[in-house]
Amino acid sequence: MAMSTHKSRQKGGLFGLLIGDALGVPYEFHRREAIPDPQLIEMTPPDGFRRAHRGVPPGTWSDDGAQALCLLASLLDKGRLELDDFAARLLDWYEKGYLAVDGRVFDVGVQTTVAFRALMGGAAPHLAGPAEERSNGNGSLMRVLPLALWHQGTDEDLVRDAYLQSRVTHGHARSRVCCALYCLWARRTLSSHAAPWDDAVRTLRSLVTPESEEHEALEVHIAPDAAPEGDRLRRRHAPVGAHGREPEVVRGRGSRRRHTRGRHRHHRVRRGGHRGAPGGLRRHPRALAQRASRAGARDPPRGQAPRAKPRPLSRPETGCRPLPRGTARG
């Protein structure tokens, strides 16, 4: 029975990734307030909604789902994470539509495109992904779930492989650590751990070298100890005086980030998940990706000059509208 439940959850995780990805495709690149109410969200958006990717049939997964399938196919075929094979499959998807619905590639992330050009130019897979701070994005995070579902090694092995698969397209420590934390969290959710998130954080902290770039990424930028969204929402609606003072909710122009001033200044409200997350993994993935791409939007420490504002990014040669200010996807 336990083995049957485990396999069922593995299948559910993969199906949830692909179905959730396909469900989210028409709603990409829209501001939060433009998204229909949850009960109205379907594969075909409601009348009057200006869907993204108009020529894409309903139920089509995106680059996230296709790259996840590339990773899964490579793992199953090779029996281990082999970066050369994985990178070759990604390029087959990019150039030939391998594992894309109807063989059509309709959207490619900015950083992913840069990495693919490096691969086609002869770069080694573990060096192809851009590693600059402004090269962070969610492309390697959105495809990584199959690694956690398939992996049979130790947590240390899982973290190492999560880092490696990210390097093919996203080499910065923040992107790599997001992938590792998500994989540890998915593994614990899969095994019905009583506190999957907390144990994943505790495990990653034990594996990360102090004072390393991965340590800074985890503790400073990902900040996994921040309160869950539900706790923070209760705090926002608490009466004046319940937490010293009523927090002021601030939302930056064109940004999905929220924070509060006063006592809870550095707490940020996470969104409810990402379009590729299975039902049991909906607390942090999109937040991890957004945090990975928002270093320039963080309030600077006292006494330091503010960082430059991030520039809006746009998709290359896709005809898609630019992303909101302060975000980087893929």
Protein backbone atom coordinates (compact mmCIF):
# COMPACT_ATOMS: atom_id res chain seq x y z
CA MET A 1 0.00 0.00 0.00
CA ALA A 2 2.82 2.41 0.88
CA MET A 3 4.58 1.75 -2.44
CA SER A 4 1.31 2.22 -4.32
CA THR A 5 0.73 5.56 -2.56
CA HIS A 6 4.28 6.68 -3.33
CA LYS A 7 3.94 5.86 -7.04
CA SER A 8 0.55 7.54 -7.14
CA ARG A 9 2.06 10.70 -5.69
CA GLN A 10 4.90 10.59 -8.20
CA LYS A 11 2.38 10.43 -11.04
CA GLY A 12 0.26 13.11 -9.41
CA GLY A 13 3.25 15.42 -9.13
CA LEU A 14 4.10 15.05 -12.81
CA PHE A 15 0.49 15.33 -13.99
CA GLY A 16 -0.02 18.33 -11.71
CA LEU A 17 3.04 20.04 -13.17
CA LEU A 18 1.88 19.60 -16.77
CA ILE A 19 -1.81 20.33 -16.19
CA GLY A 20 -1.08 23.32 -13.99
CA ASP A 21 1.41 24.60 -16.54
CA ALA A 22 -1.13 24.30 -19.36
CA LEU A 23 -3.80 25.98 -17.23
CA GLY A 24 -1.55 28.97 -16.65
CA VAL A 25 -0.39 29.52 -20.23
CA PRO A 26 -3.25 31.85 -21.32
CA TYR A 27 -2.82 34.02 -18.22
CA GLU A 28 0.92 34.75 -18.52
CA PHE A 29 2.28 38.30 -18.60
CA HIS A 30 -0.79 39.86 -17.00
CA ARG A 31 -0.87 42.00 -13.89
CA ARG A 32 -2.38 40.33 -10.87
CA GLU A 33 -5.51 42.49 -10.88
CA ALA A 34 -6.19 41.51 -14.51
CA ILE A 35 -6.36 37.78 -13.72
CA PRO A 36 -9.96 36.46 -13.49
CA ASP A 37 -11.38 35.20 -10.21
CA PRO A 38 -10.17 31.66 -9.41
CA GLN A 39 -13.57 30.10 -10.08
CA LEU A 40 -13.46 31.51 -13.63
CA ILE A 41 -10.01 30.21 -14.54
CA GLU A 42 -10.18 27.42 -17.09
CA MET A 43 -8.03 26.17 -19.96
CA THR A 44 -10.07 28.54 -22.15
CA PRO A 45 -10.21 31.98 -20.46
CA PRO A 46 -13.54 33.74 -19.96
CA ASP A 47 -14.93 35.99 -22.68
CA GLY A 48 -13.26 39.38 -22.82
CA PHE A 49 -9.95 38.23 -21.35
CA ARG A 50 -6.99 38.99 -23.62
CA ARG A 51 -5.20 35.68 -23.41
CA ALA A 52 -1.48 35.28 -23.93
CA HIS A 53 -0.26 33.06 -26.78
CA ARG A 54 -3.53 33.34 -28.74
CA GLY A 55 -2.54 30.78 -31.34
CA VAL A 56 -1.75 28.08 -28.79
CA PRO A 57 -4.53 25.47 -28.32
CA PRO A 58 -6.05 25.18 -24.82
CA GLY A 59 -4.37 22.51 -22.72
CA THR A 60 -0.90 23.09 -24.17
CA TRP A 61 1.98 23.04 -21.71
CA SER A 62 4.71 25.62 -22.08
CA ASP A 63 8.49 25.67 -22.01
CA ASP A 64 8.30 24.74 -18.32
CA GLY A 65 6.51 21.47 -18.98
CA ALA A 66 8.59 20.60 -22.03
CA GLN A 67 11.87 21.16 -20.20
CA ALA A 68 10.64 19.12 -17.24
CA LEU A 69 9.89 16.26 -19.64
CA CYS A 70 13.36 16.64 -21.15
CA LEU A 71 14.85 16.26 -17.69
CA LEU A 72 12.67 13.26 -16.89
CA ALA A 73 13.45 11.54 -20.21
CA SER A 74 17.17 12.01 -19.68
CA LEU A 75 17.03 10.65 -16.12
CA LEU A 76 15.04 7.59 -17.17
CA ASP A 77 17.21 6.88 -20.21
CA LYS A 78 20.61 7.38 -18.56
CA GLY A 79 19.78 6.29 -15.01
CA ARG A 80 21.55 9.36 -13.62
CA LEU A 81 21.85 13.08 -14.23
CA GLU A 82 24.07 13.38 -17.29
CA LEU A 83 24.39 17.03 -18.24
CA ASP A 84 25.54 16.44 -21.82
CA ASP A 85 22.44 14.35 -22.56
CA PHE A 86 20.12 16.74 -20.71
CA ALA A 87 21.54 19.75 -22.55
CA ALA A 88 21.20 17.94 -25.90
CA ARG A 89 17.53 17.24 -25.20
CA LEU A 90 16.93 20.87 -24.27
CA LEU A 91 18.45 21.97 -27.56
CA ASP A 92 16.31 19.42 -29.41
CA TRP A 93 13.27 20.99 -27.81
CA TYR A 94 14.46 24.50 -28.69
CA GLU A 95 15.32 23.70 -32.31
CA LYS A 96 12.95 20.85 -33.20
CA GLY A 97 10.06 20.97 -30.72
CA TYR A 98 11.08 17.75 -28.92
CA LEU A 99 8.46 16.98 -26.22
CA ALA A 100 6.56 20.17 -27.03
CA VAL A 101 2.85 19.86 -27.78
CA ASP A 102 2.44 19.54 -31.57
CA GLY A 103 6.20 20.08 -31.84
CA ARG A 104 5.74 23.82 -31.48
CA VAL A 105 7.95 26.03 -29.30
CA PHE A 106 6.08 29.27 -28.65
CA ASP A 107 7.94 30.77 -25.71
CA VAL A 108 11.57 30.71 -24.51
CA GLY A 109 12.93 32.46 -21.44
CA VAL A 110 15.49 35.23 -21.77
CA GLN A 111 18.25 33.59 -19.73
CA THR A 112 17.49 30.20 -21.25
CA THR A 113 17.99 31.62 -24.73
CA VAL A 114 21.36 33.04 -23.70
CA ALA A 115 22.40 29.64 -22.34
CA PHE A 116 21.25 27.81 -25.47
CA ARG A 117 23.31 30.12 -27.65
CA ALA A 118 26.30 29.37 -25.44
CA LEU A 119 25.70 25.63 -25.79
CA MET A 120 25.43 25.91 -29.56
CA GLY A 121 28.69 27.82 -29.49
CA GLY A 122 30.46 24.93 -27.77
CA ALA A 123 30.17 25.84 -24.08
CA ALA A 124 30.22 22.99 -21.56
CA PRO A 125 26.74 22.39 -20.09
CA HIS A 126 27.80 23.18 -16.51
CA LEU A 127 29.15 26.55 -17.68
CA ALA A 128 26.43 27.51 -20.18
CA GLY A 129 23.97 29.16 -17.79
CA PRO A 130 24.55 32.87 -17.13
CA ALA A 131 25.79 33.38 -13.56
CA GLU A 132 25.42 37.14 -13.07
CA GLU A 133 23.03 38.39 -10.40
CA ARG A 134 20.71 39.97 -12.95
CA SER A 135 20.61 36.66 -14.84
CA ASN A 136 18.44 35.05 -12.18
CA GLY A 137 15.08 33.68 -13.24
CA ASN A 138 12.72 30.79 -12.59
CA GLY A 139 13.50 28.67 -15.66
CA SER A 140 15.55 26.00 -13.89
CA LEU A 141 13.18 25.91 -10.91
CA MET A 142 10.03 25.36 -12.97
CA ARG A 143 11.40 22.17 -14.57
CA VAL A 144 13.16 20.56 -11.61
CA LEU A 145 10.33 18.58 -9.97
CA PRO A 146 11.02 15.34 -11.96
CA LEU A 147 14.48 15.22 -10.37
CA ALA A 148 12.94 15.10 -6.89
CA LEU A 149 10.33 12.53 -7.96
CA TRP A 150 12.95 10.24 -9.56
CA HIS A 151 15.96 10.63 -7.26
CA GLN A 152 16.91 7.74 -4.96
CA GLY A 153 20.19 9.11 -3.56
CA THR A 154 20.95 10.96 -0.35
CA ASP A 155 19.83 14.50 0.34
CA GLU A 156 23.38 15.65 -0.37
CA ASP A 157 23.26 13.92 -3.76
CA LEU A 158 19.88 15.47 -4.50
CA VAL A 159 21.15 18.95 -3.67
CA ARG A 160 24.22 18.46 -5.86
CA ASP A 161 22.13 17.30 -8.82
CA ALA A 162 19.65 20.14 -8.34
CA TYR A 163 22.55 22.59 -8.53
CA LEU A 164 23.93 20.89 -11.64
CA GLN A 165 20.69 20.77 -13.63
CA SER A 166 20.23 24.49 -12.92
CA ARG A 167 23.71 25.36 -14.20
CA VAL A 168 22.76 24.38 -17.75
CA THR A 169 20.61 27.51 -18.06
CA HIS A 170 20.82 29.40 -14.74
CA GLY A 171 24.21 29.44 -13.06
CA HIS A 172 23.78 31.97 -10.26
CA ALA A 173 23.81 30.62 -6.71
CA ARG A 174 20.33 31.96 -5.99
CA SER A 175 18.77 29.99 -8.83
CA ARG A 176 20.68 26.85 -7.85
CA VAL A 177 19.74 27.07 -4.17
CA CYS A 178 16.07 27.62 -5.04
CA CYS A 179 16.14 24.38 -7.04
CA ALA A 180 17.82 22.47 -4.22
CA LEU A 181 15.40 23.71 -1.56
CA TYR A 182 12.39 22.90 -3.72
CA CYS A 183 13.68 19.38 -4.39
CA LEU A 184 14.22 18.70 -0.68
CA TRP A 185 10.76 20.05 0.07
CA ALA A 186 9.15 17.94 -2.69
CA ARG A 187 10.94 14.81 -1.45
CA ARG A 188 9.57 15.32 2.07
CA THR A 189 6.08 16.06 0.81
CA LEU A 190 6.22 12.89 -1.28
CA SER A 191 7.09 10.86 1.82
CA SER A 192 4.36 12.50 3.97
CA HIS A 193 6.80 14.19 6.32
CA ALA A 194 5.02 15.98 9.17
CA ALA A 195 6.86 19.26 8.51
CA PRO A 196 8.25 19.07 4.96
CA TRP A 197 9.19 22.72 4.52
CA ASP A 198 10.88 23.14 7.89
CA ASP A 199 12.84 19.92 7.51
CA ALA A 200 13.90 20.83 3.99
CA VAL A 201 15.23 24.17 5.21
CA ARG A 202 17.02 22.53 8.14
CA THR A 203 18.60 19.94 5.85
CA LEU A 204 19.80 22.47 3.29
CA ARG A 205 21.33 24.61 6.01
CA SER A 206 23.32 21.61 7.20
CA LEU A 207 24.64 21.02 3.67
CA VAL A 208 25.48 24.58 2.66
CA THR A 209 28.99 25.81 3.43
CA PRO A 210 28.96 28.81 5.82
CA GLU A 211 29.92 32.15 4.26
CA SER A 212 29.59 30.68 0.76
CA GLU A 213 27.56 32.27 -2.04
CA GLU A 214 24.98 29.51 -1.56
CA HIS A 215 24.74 30.42 2.14
CA GLU A 216 24.14 34.08 1.29
CA ALA A 217 21.53 33.10 -1.31
CA LEU A 218 19.65 30.97 1.21
CA GLU A 219 19.74 33.22 4.25
CA VAL A 220 19.70 36.70 2.75
CA HIS A 221 17.70 36.43 -0.45
CA ILE A 222 15.47 33.37 -0.11
CA ALA A 223 14.95 33.94 3.62
CA PRO A 224 13.05 30.69 4.27
CA ASP A 225 12.08 31.59 7.84
CA ALA A 226 9.66 34.33 6.77
CA ALA A 227 6.12 33.76 7.99
CA PRO A 228 3.71 31.85 5.70
CA GLU A 229 1.19 33.89 3.75
CA GLY A 230 -1.74 32.97 5.97
CA ASP A 231 0.04 34.18 9.11
CA ARG A 232 1.02 37.38 7.39
CA LEU A 233 -2.51 38.02 6.13
CA ARG A 234 -3.83 37.60 9.66
CA ARG A 235 -1.21 40.09 10.82
CA ARG A 236 -2.27 42.58 8.14
CA HIS A 237 -5.90 42.44 9.25
CA ALA A 238 -5.20 42.44 12.98
CA PRO A 239 -6.49 45.46 14.94
CA VAL A 240 -4.16 48.36 15.64
CA GLY A 241 -1.90 47.55 18.56
CA ALA A 242 -2.02 43.79 18.14
CA HIS A 243 1.56 43.80 16.86
CA GLY A 244 2.77 47.16 18.13
CA ARG A 245 1.31 49.12 15.21
CA GLU A 246 -0.86 48.42 12.24
CA PRO A 247 1.40 47.60 9.28
CA GLU A 248 1.09 49.66 6.14
CA VAL A 249 0.77 47.57 2.98
CA VAL A 250 2.90 48.87 0.14
CA ARG A 251 2.82 47.65 -3.42
CA GLY A 252 5.40 48.87 -5.89
CA ARG A 253 4.29 50.07 -9.29
CA GLY A 254 4.32 47.23 -11.80
CA SER A 255 5.53 44.76 -9.19
CA ARG A 256 3.99 41.67 -7.64
CA ARG A 257 5.94 42.21 -4.45
CA ARG A 258 4.29 43.32 -1.24
CA HIS A 259 5.91 44.26 2.00
CA THR A 260 4.96 46.09 5.16
CA ARG A 261 6.59 49.02 6.83
CA GLY A 262 7.20 49.23 10.51
CA ARG A 263 7.88 46.18 12.60
CA HIS A 264 7.29 43.76 9.71
CA ARG A 265 9.17 45.75 7.13
CA HIS A 266 11.09 42.89 5.56
CA HIS A 267 8.25 40.38 5.50
CA ARG A 268 6.87 39.79 2.03
CA VAL A 269 3.64 38.11 1.04
CA ARG A 270 4.20 35.04 -1.08
CA ARG A 271 1.90 34.24 -3.93
CA GLY A 272 -0.02 31.02 -3.71
CA GLY A 273 2.30 28.88 -5.80
CA HIS A 274 3.17 28.44 -9.44
CA ARG A 275 1.26 27.08 -12.34
CA GLY A 276 3.31 23.87 -12.44
CA ALA A 277 3.07 22.89 -8.79
CA PRO A 278 1.25 19.74 -7.69
CA GLY A 279 -1.41 20.22 -5.05
CA GLY A 280 0.85 19.47 -2.10
CA LEU A 281 3.57 21.91 -3.18
CA ARG A 282 1.89 25.29 -3.40
CA ARG A 283 3.47 27.36 -0.66
CA HIS A 284 6.73 28.72 -2.01
CA PRO A 285 7.85 27.86 -5.61
CA ARG A 286 6.85 31.08 -7.33
CA ALA A 287 8.05 33.04 -4.31
CA LEU A 288 11.42 31.34 -4.56
CA ALA A 289 11.65 32.24 -8.22
CA GLN A 290 10.55 35.83 -7.63
CA ARG A 291 13.01 36.24 -4.80
CA ALA A 292 15.73 34.86 -7.06
CA SER A 293 15.00 37.58 -9.61
CA ARG A 294 14.50 40.54 -7.30
CA ALA A 295 17.87 41.30 -5.73
CA GLY A 296 17.76 44.82 -7.13
CA ALA A 297 14.31 45.50 -5.65
CA ARG A 298 15.22 44.68 -2.03
CA ASP A 299 15.46 47.53 0.45
CA PRO A 300 19.19 48.16 1.08
CA PRO A 301 20.66 47.74 4.56
CA ARG A 302 20.83 50.92 6.58
CA GLY A 303 23.83 53.04 5.64
CA GLN A 304 24.22 51.57 2.16
CA ALA A 305 23.34 53.26 -1.09
CA PRO A 306 20.19 51.90 -2.77
CA ARG A 307 20.71 49.43 -5.58
CA ALA A 308 19.88 50.30 -9.13
CA LYS A 309 16.30 49.62 -10.14
CA PRO A 310 15.92 46.49 -12.26
CA ARG A 311 15.13 46.96 -15.91
CA PRO A 312 12.10 45.33 -17.53
CA LEU A 313 12.94 42.22 -19.50
CA SER A 314 11.29 41.10 -22.71
CA ARG A 315 11.16 37.82 -24.55
CA PRO A 316 13.39 37.44 -27.62
CA GLU A 317 11.59 37.01 -30.94
CA THR A 318 8.33 35.76 -29.45
CA GLY A 319 6.08 38.76 -29.93
CA CYS A 320 5.19 38.65 -26.23
CA ARG A 321 4.75 41.79 -24.18
CA PRO A 322 7.56 42.72 -21.75
CA LEU A 323 7.52 41.24 -18.26
CA PRO A 324 6.46 43.45 -15.32
CA ARG A 325 9.19 45.62 -13.87
CA GLY A 326 11.42 43.81 -11.43
CA THR A 327 10.79 40.24 -12.63
CA ALA A 328 12.81 37.87 -14.73
CA ARG A 329 11.27 34.66 -15.99
CA GLY A 330 13.11 31.72 -17.50
